[in-house]
N, C-alpha and C. Protein backbone atom coordinates (compact mmCIF):
# COMPACT_ATOMS: atom_id res chain seq x y z
N MET A 1 121.43 98.07 90.94
CA MET A 1 122.47 99.04 91.75
C MET A 1 123.80 99.11 90.48
N GLU A 2 124.28 100.34 90.54
CA GLU A 2 125.46 100.53 89.55
C GLU A 2 126.69 100.45 90.68
N GLU A 3 126.84 101.62 91.32
CA GLU A 3 127.75 101.84 92.39
C GLU A 3 127.31 101.72 93.75
N ARG A 4 128.30 101.75 94.86
CA ARG A 4 127.70 101.75 95.89
C ARG A 4 129.29 102.18 96.88
N GLY A 5 128.75 103.07 97.80
CA GLY A 5 129.91 103.46 98.65
C GLY A 5 129.53 103.60 100.07
N GLU A 6 130.13 104.00 100.97
CA GLU A 6 129.85 104.12 102.35
C GLU A 6 128.60 105.09 102.31
N GLY A 7 127.30 104.84 102.62
CA GLY A 7 126.53 105.79 102.80
C GLY A 7 125.80 106.10 101.36
N TRP A 8 126.02 105.61 100.43
CA TRP A 8 125.20 105.94 99.11
C TRP A 8 125.36 104.95 98.65
N THR A 9 124.52 105.01 97.22
CA THR A 9 124.52 104.13 96.05
C THR A 9 123.86 104.87 94.74
N VAL A 10 124.26 104.42 93.63
CA VAL A 10 123.79 104.98 92.03
C VAL A 10 123.29 104.08 91.79
N THR A 11 121.60 104.50 91.19
CA THR A 11 120.81 103.19 91.06
C THR A 11 120.69 103.51 89.34
N ARG A 12 119.86 102.66 88.80
CA ARG A 12 119.83 103.08 87.21
C ARG A 12 118.01 102.86 87.39
N TRP A 13 117.00 103.55 86.40
CA TRP A 13 115.70 103.56 86.66
C TRP A 13 115.06 103.97 85.06
N VAL A 14 114.08 102.88 84.82
CA VAL A 14 113.33 103.03 83.54
C VAL A 14 111.66 103.07 83.87
N THR A 15 111.23 104.10 83.15
CA THR A 15 109.70 103.89 83.61
C THR A 15 109.01 104.29 82.52
N LYS A 16 108.00 103.69 82.22
CA LYS A 16 106.97 104.42 80.98
C LYS A 16 105.92 104.92 81.51
N LEU A 17 105.84 106.00 80.55
CA LEU A 17 104.30 107.08 81.07
C LEU A 17 103.68 107.57 79.63
N GLN A 18 102.64 107.28 79.71
CA GLN A 18 102.04 107.28 78.37
C GLN A 18 102.83 107.08 77.05
N GLY A 19 103.03 105.49 77.31
CA GLY A 19 103.80 105.32 76.06
C GLY A 19 105.16 105.81 75.81
N LYS A 20 105.66 106.79 76.62
CA LYS A 20 107.04 107.26 76.45
C LYS A 20 107.94 106.63 77.47
N LEU A 21 109.16 106.18 77.26
CA LEU A 21 110.42 105.68 78.07
C LEU A 21 111.01 106.47 78.63
N PHE A 22 111.11 106.91 79.96
CA PHE A 22 112.07 108.22 80.42
C PHE A 22 113.06 106.87 81.52
N LYS A 23 114.59 107.49 81.20
CA LYS A 23 115.35 106.49 82.10
C LYS A 23 116.12 107.86 82.80
N TRP A 24 116.70 106.99 83.97
CA TRP A 24 117.75 108.29 84.51
C TRP A 24 118.41 107.51 85.75
N ARG A 25 119.48 108.06 86.06
CA ARG A 25 120.17 107.41 87.20
C ARG A 25 120.11 108.36 88.51
N GLU A 26 120.49 107.93 89.55
CA GLU A 26 119.80 108.64 90.51
C GLU A 26 121.06 108.20 91.86
N LYS A 27 121.77 109.29 92.48
CA LYS A 27 122.39 108.92 93.54
C LYS A 27 121.56 108.95 95.09
N ASP A 28 121.44 107.75 95.54
CA ASP A 28 120.95 107.72 96.75
C ASP A 28 122.08 107.94 98.13
N GLU A 29 121.60 108.68 99.00
CA GLU A 29 122.40 108.74 99.96
C GLU A 29 121.54 108.62 101.36
N PHE A 30 122.27 107.91 102.26
CA PHE A 30 121.56 106.96 103.65
C PHE A 30 122.10 107.77 104.70
N ASP A 31 121.05 108.61 105.54
CA ASP A 31 121.45 108.95 106.78
C ASP A 31 120.67 108.37 107.87
N PRO A 32 121.08 107.18 107.85
CA PRO A 32 120.49 106.25 109.11
C PRO A 32 120.23 106.55 110.53
N PRO A 33 119.17 106.55 111.21
CA PRO A 33 117.83 106.05 110.69
C PRO A 33 116.67 106.85 110.19
N ALA A 34 117.02 108.13 110.16
CA ALA A 34 115.77 109.09 109.73
C ALA A 34 115.67 109.32 108.48
N ARG A 35 116.81 109.35 107.36
CA ARG A 35 116.74 110.11 105.97
C ARG A 35 117.21 109.47 104.69
N ILE A 36 116.45 109.12 103.90
CA ILE A 36 117.51 108.58 102.21
C ILE A 36 117.18 109.54 101.60
N SER A 37 117.95 110.45 101.12
CA SER A 37 117.87 111.49 99.90
C SER A 37 118.30 110.83 98.56
N TYR A 38 117.35 110.91 97.56
CA TYR A 38 117.86 110.92 95.97
C TYR A 38 118.04 112.25 95.38
N LYS A 39 118.48 112.00 94.19
CA LYS A 39 118.68 113.00 93.24
C LYS A 39 119.15 112.32 91.91
N GLN A 40 119.02 112.89 91.07
CA GLN A 40 118.74 112.42 89.63
C GLN A 40 120.34 112.89 89.41
N ILE A 41 121.24 112.01 88.66
CA ILE A 41 122.64 112.50 88.59
C ILE A 41 122.69 113.09 86.46
N ASP A 42 121.96 111.99 86.34
CA ASP A 42 121.45 112.23 84.57
C ASP A 42 120.47 111.33 84.05
N GLY A 43 119.95 111.98 82.79
CA GLY A 43 118.87 111.04 82.51
C GLY A 43 117.77 111.96 81.90
N ASP A 44 116.56 111.42 81.49
CA ASP A 44 115.81 112.25 80.86
C ASP A 44 114.89 113.49 81.24
N LEU A 45 114.99 113.55 82.70
CA LEU A 45 113.97 114.69 83.45
C LEU A 45 115.16 115.95 83.48
N LYS A 46 114.50 116.60 83.52
CA LYS A 46 115.47 117.87 83.89
C LYS A 46 115.80 118.14 85.64
N LYS A 47 114.59 117.74 86.20
CA LYS A 47 114.83 117.27 88.04
C LYS A 47 114.35 116.49 88.47
N PHE A 48 114.70 115.38 89.06
CA PHE A 48 113.80 114.20 90.04
C PHE A 48 114.53 113.94 91.07
N GLU A 49 114.28 114.70 92.24
CA GLU A 49 114.93 114.64 93.59
C GLU A 49 113.92 114.55 94.75
N GLY A 50 114.07 113.90 95.89
CA GLY A 50 113.50 114.01 97.03
C GLY A 50 114.21 113.04 98.22
N ASP A 51 113.25 112.74 99.35
CA ASP A 51 113.58 112.11 100.08
C ASP A 51 112.64 111.43 100.94
N TRP A 52 112.55 110.62 101.42
CA TRP A 52 112.41 109.70 102.89
C TRP A 52 112.71 110.06 104.10
N VAL A 53 111.80 110.25 104.95
CA VAL A 53 111.80 110.50 106.01
C VAL A 53 111.41 109.87 107.15
N PHE A 54 111.91 109.17 108.13
CA PHE A 54 111.35 108.23 108.97
C PHE A 54 111.40 108.83 110.48
N GLU A 55 109.77 108.74 110.92
CA GLU A 55 110.21 109.60 112.33
C GLU A 55 109.29 108.63 113.60
N GLU A 56 109.74 108.35 114.48
CA GLU A 56 108.81 107.95 115.37
C GLU A 56 108.06 108.49 115.99
N ALA A 57 106.73 108.02 116.18
CA ALA A 57 105.43 108.88 116.45
C ALA A 57 104.65 107.90 117.46
N GLY A 58 105.12 107.93 118.58
CA GLY A 58 104.31 106.88 119.62
C GLY A 58 103.76 105.50 119.37
N GLY A 59 105.24 104.98 119.14
CA GLY A 59 105.61 103.41 119.10
C GLY A 59 105.55 103.09 117.48
N GLU A 60 105.12 103.82 116.61
CA GLU A 60 105.26 103.58 115.28
C GLU A 60 105.95 104.46 114.47
N THR A 61 106.24 104.30 113.25
CA THR A 61 107.00 104.75 112.70
C THR A 61 106.46 105.77 111.20
N ARG A 62 106.26 106.89 111.30
CA ARG A 62 105.75 107.82 110.54
C ARG A 62 106.78 108.08 109.29
N VAL A 63 106.37 107.57 107.98
CA VAL A 63 107.31 107.79 106.84
C VAL A 63 106.67 108.66 105.86
N THR A 64 107.57 109.88 105.81
CA THR A 64 107.15 110.69 104.38
C THR A 64 107.87 111.05 103.30
N LEU A 65 107.43 110.99 102.08
CA LEU A 65 108.29 110.44 100.93
C LEU A 65 108.00 111.89 100.01
N THR A 66 108.95 112.84 99.95
CA THR A 66 108.86 113.91 98.83
C THR A 66 109.39 113.62 97.58
N VAL A 67 108.75 113.93 96.42
CA VAL A 67 109.23 113.83 95.23
C VAL A 67 109.11 115.33 94.48
N ASP A 68 110.12 115.90 93.92
CA ASP A 68 110.11 116.99 93.13
C ASP A 68 110.50 116.53 91.49
N PHE A 69 109.93 116.86 90.88
CA PHE A 69 110.53 116.64 89.54
C PHE A 69 109.79 117.50 88.53
N GLU A 70 110.43 117.65 87.39
CA GLU A 70 110.29 118.02 86.25
C GLU A 70 110.44 117.77 84.92
N PHE A 71 109.65 117.76 83.87
CA PHE A 71 110.17 117.10 82.28
C PHE A 71 111.10 118.00 81.82
N GLY A 72 110.86 119.37 82.04
CA GLY A 72 111.95 120.08 81.17
C GLY A 72 111.65 120.71 79.91
N ILE A 73 110.21 120.28 79.39
CA ILE A 73 109.67 120.55 78.12
C ILE A 73 108.22 120.97 78.57
N PRO A 74 108.37 122.32 78.41
CA PRO A 74 106.80 122.94 78.98
C PRO A 74 105.69 122.01 78.35
N MET A 75 105.54 121.81 77.47
CA MET A 75 104.48 121.16 76.39
C MET A 75 104.18 119.61 77.03
N ILE A 76 105.41 119.02 77.04
CA ILE A 76 105.24 117.73 77.50
C ILE A 76 105.00 117.63 79.25
N GLY A 77 105.32 118.37 79.91
CA GLY A 77 104.91 118.69 81.34
C GLY A 77 103.53 118.71 81.70
N ALA A 78 102.65 120.02 80.74
CA ALA A 78 101.50 120.14 81.04
C ALA A 78 100.56 118.81 80.55
N LEU A 79 101.21 118.17 79.49
CA LEU A 79 100.37 116.76 79.39
C LEU A 79 100.60 115.49 80.32
N LEU A 80 101.79 115.51 80.65
CA LEU A 80 101.98 114.40 81.37
C LEU A 80 102.17 114.68 83.27
N ASN A 81 102.22 115.95 83.26
CA ASN A 81 102.65 116.33 84.98
C ASN A 81 101.40 115.49 85.92
N PRO A 82 100.04 115.46 85.31
CA PRO A 82 98.83 114.78 86.18
C PRO A 82 99.18 113.58 86.09
N VAL A 83 99.66 112.83 84.93
CA VAL A 83 99.55 111.38 84.88
C VAL A 83 100.87 111.12 85.89
N ALA A 84 102.17 111.58 85.68
CA ALA A 84 103.16 111.43 86.21
C ALA A 84 103.09 111.79 87.84
N LYS A 85 102.27 112.59 88.33
CA LYS A 85 101.78 112.37 89.63
C LYS A 85 101.04 111.38 90.47
N LEU A 86 99.92 111.16 89.28
CA LEU A 86 99.23 109.72 89.85
C LEU A 86 100.22 108.56 90.00
N LYS A 87 100.91 108.30 89.14
CA LYS A 87 101.81 107.03 88.88
C LYS A 87 102.88 107.06 90.12
N ILE A 88 103.34 108.41 90.54
CA ILE A 88 104.13 108.43 91.34
C ILE A 88 103.44 108.06 92.78
N ARG A 89 102.47 108.59 92.79
CA ARG A 89 101.60 108.23 94.07
C ARG A 89 101.42 106.65 94.06
N GLU A 90 100.64 106.26 93.19
CA GLU A 90 100.46 105.03 93.02
C GLU A 90 102.02 104.00 93.32
N ASN A 91 103.20 104.35 92.83
CA ASN A 91 104.57 103.46 92.80
C ASN A 91 104.79 103.76 94.75
N SER A 92 104.50 104.86 94.99
CA SER A 92 105.34 105.17 96.39
C SER A 92 104.11 104.28 97.28
N GLU A 93 102.65 104.39 97.39
CA GLU A 93 101.98 103.53 97.88
C GLU A 93 102.04 102.07 98.03
N LYS A 94 102.75 102.01 96.75
CA LYS A 94 103.18 100.49 96.86
C LYS A 94 104.31 100.27 97.70
N MET A 95 105.61 100.80 97.41
CA MET A 95 106.71 100.74 98.19
C MET A 95 106.36 100.59 99.59
N LEU A 96 105.56 102.02 100.14
CA LEU A 96 105.21 102.12 101.63
C LEU A 96 104.48 100.85 102.25
N ASP A 97 103.72 100.38 101.51
CA ASP A 97 103.00 99.03 101.53
C ASP A 97 104.11 97.76 101.61
N GLY A 98 104.72 98.10 100.85
CA GLY A 98 106.00 96.92 100.85
C GLY A 98 106.75 96.84 102.42
N ILE A 99 107.17 98.24 102.64
CA ILE A 99 107.83 98.36 103.89
C ILE A 99 106.92 98.22 105.22
N LYS A 100 105.56 98.57 104.95
CA LYS A 100 104.79 98.36 106.43
C LYS A 100 104.80 96.43 106.34
N LYS A 101 104.48 96.00 105.52
CA LYS A 101 104.45 94.48 105.63
C LYS A 101 105.58 93.75 106.19
N LYS A 102 107.01 94.34 105.40
CA LYS A 102 108.04 93.87 105.84
C LYS A 102 108.43 94.04 107.63
N ALA A 103 107.75 95.30 107.96
CA ALA A 103 108.32 95.67 109.13
C ALA A 103 107.39 94.96 110.24
N GLU A 104 105.89 94.38 109.61
CA GLU A 104 104.63 93.98 110.61
C GLU A 104 105.26 92.42 110.82
N ARG A 105 106.45 92.09 109.98
CA ARG A 105 106.48 90.64 110.32
C ARG A 105 107.43 90.42 111.23
């Protein structure tokens, strides 16, 4: 974490996709208890943003993750979009599993 304020943080991210490093910084805004929004503020991607939404559903919590991204270079995007979607899905499932395990303790 690079910065922290009341209800927000700025974090730095690095990931490797098909051998290419992508780096970005994002601002995360917390609206407890129902939403965490994030948006790239600078970095290698044209766009990277989304949110986590938490909803009460019959005694359980439903978590919805939205991710919207663009590489910004059509040729790279066409090649990497399917791989990026898979990696984002895998990473998101790992994060959700971690949240679930922690909540069940």
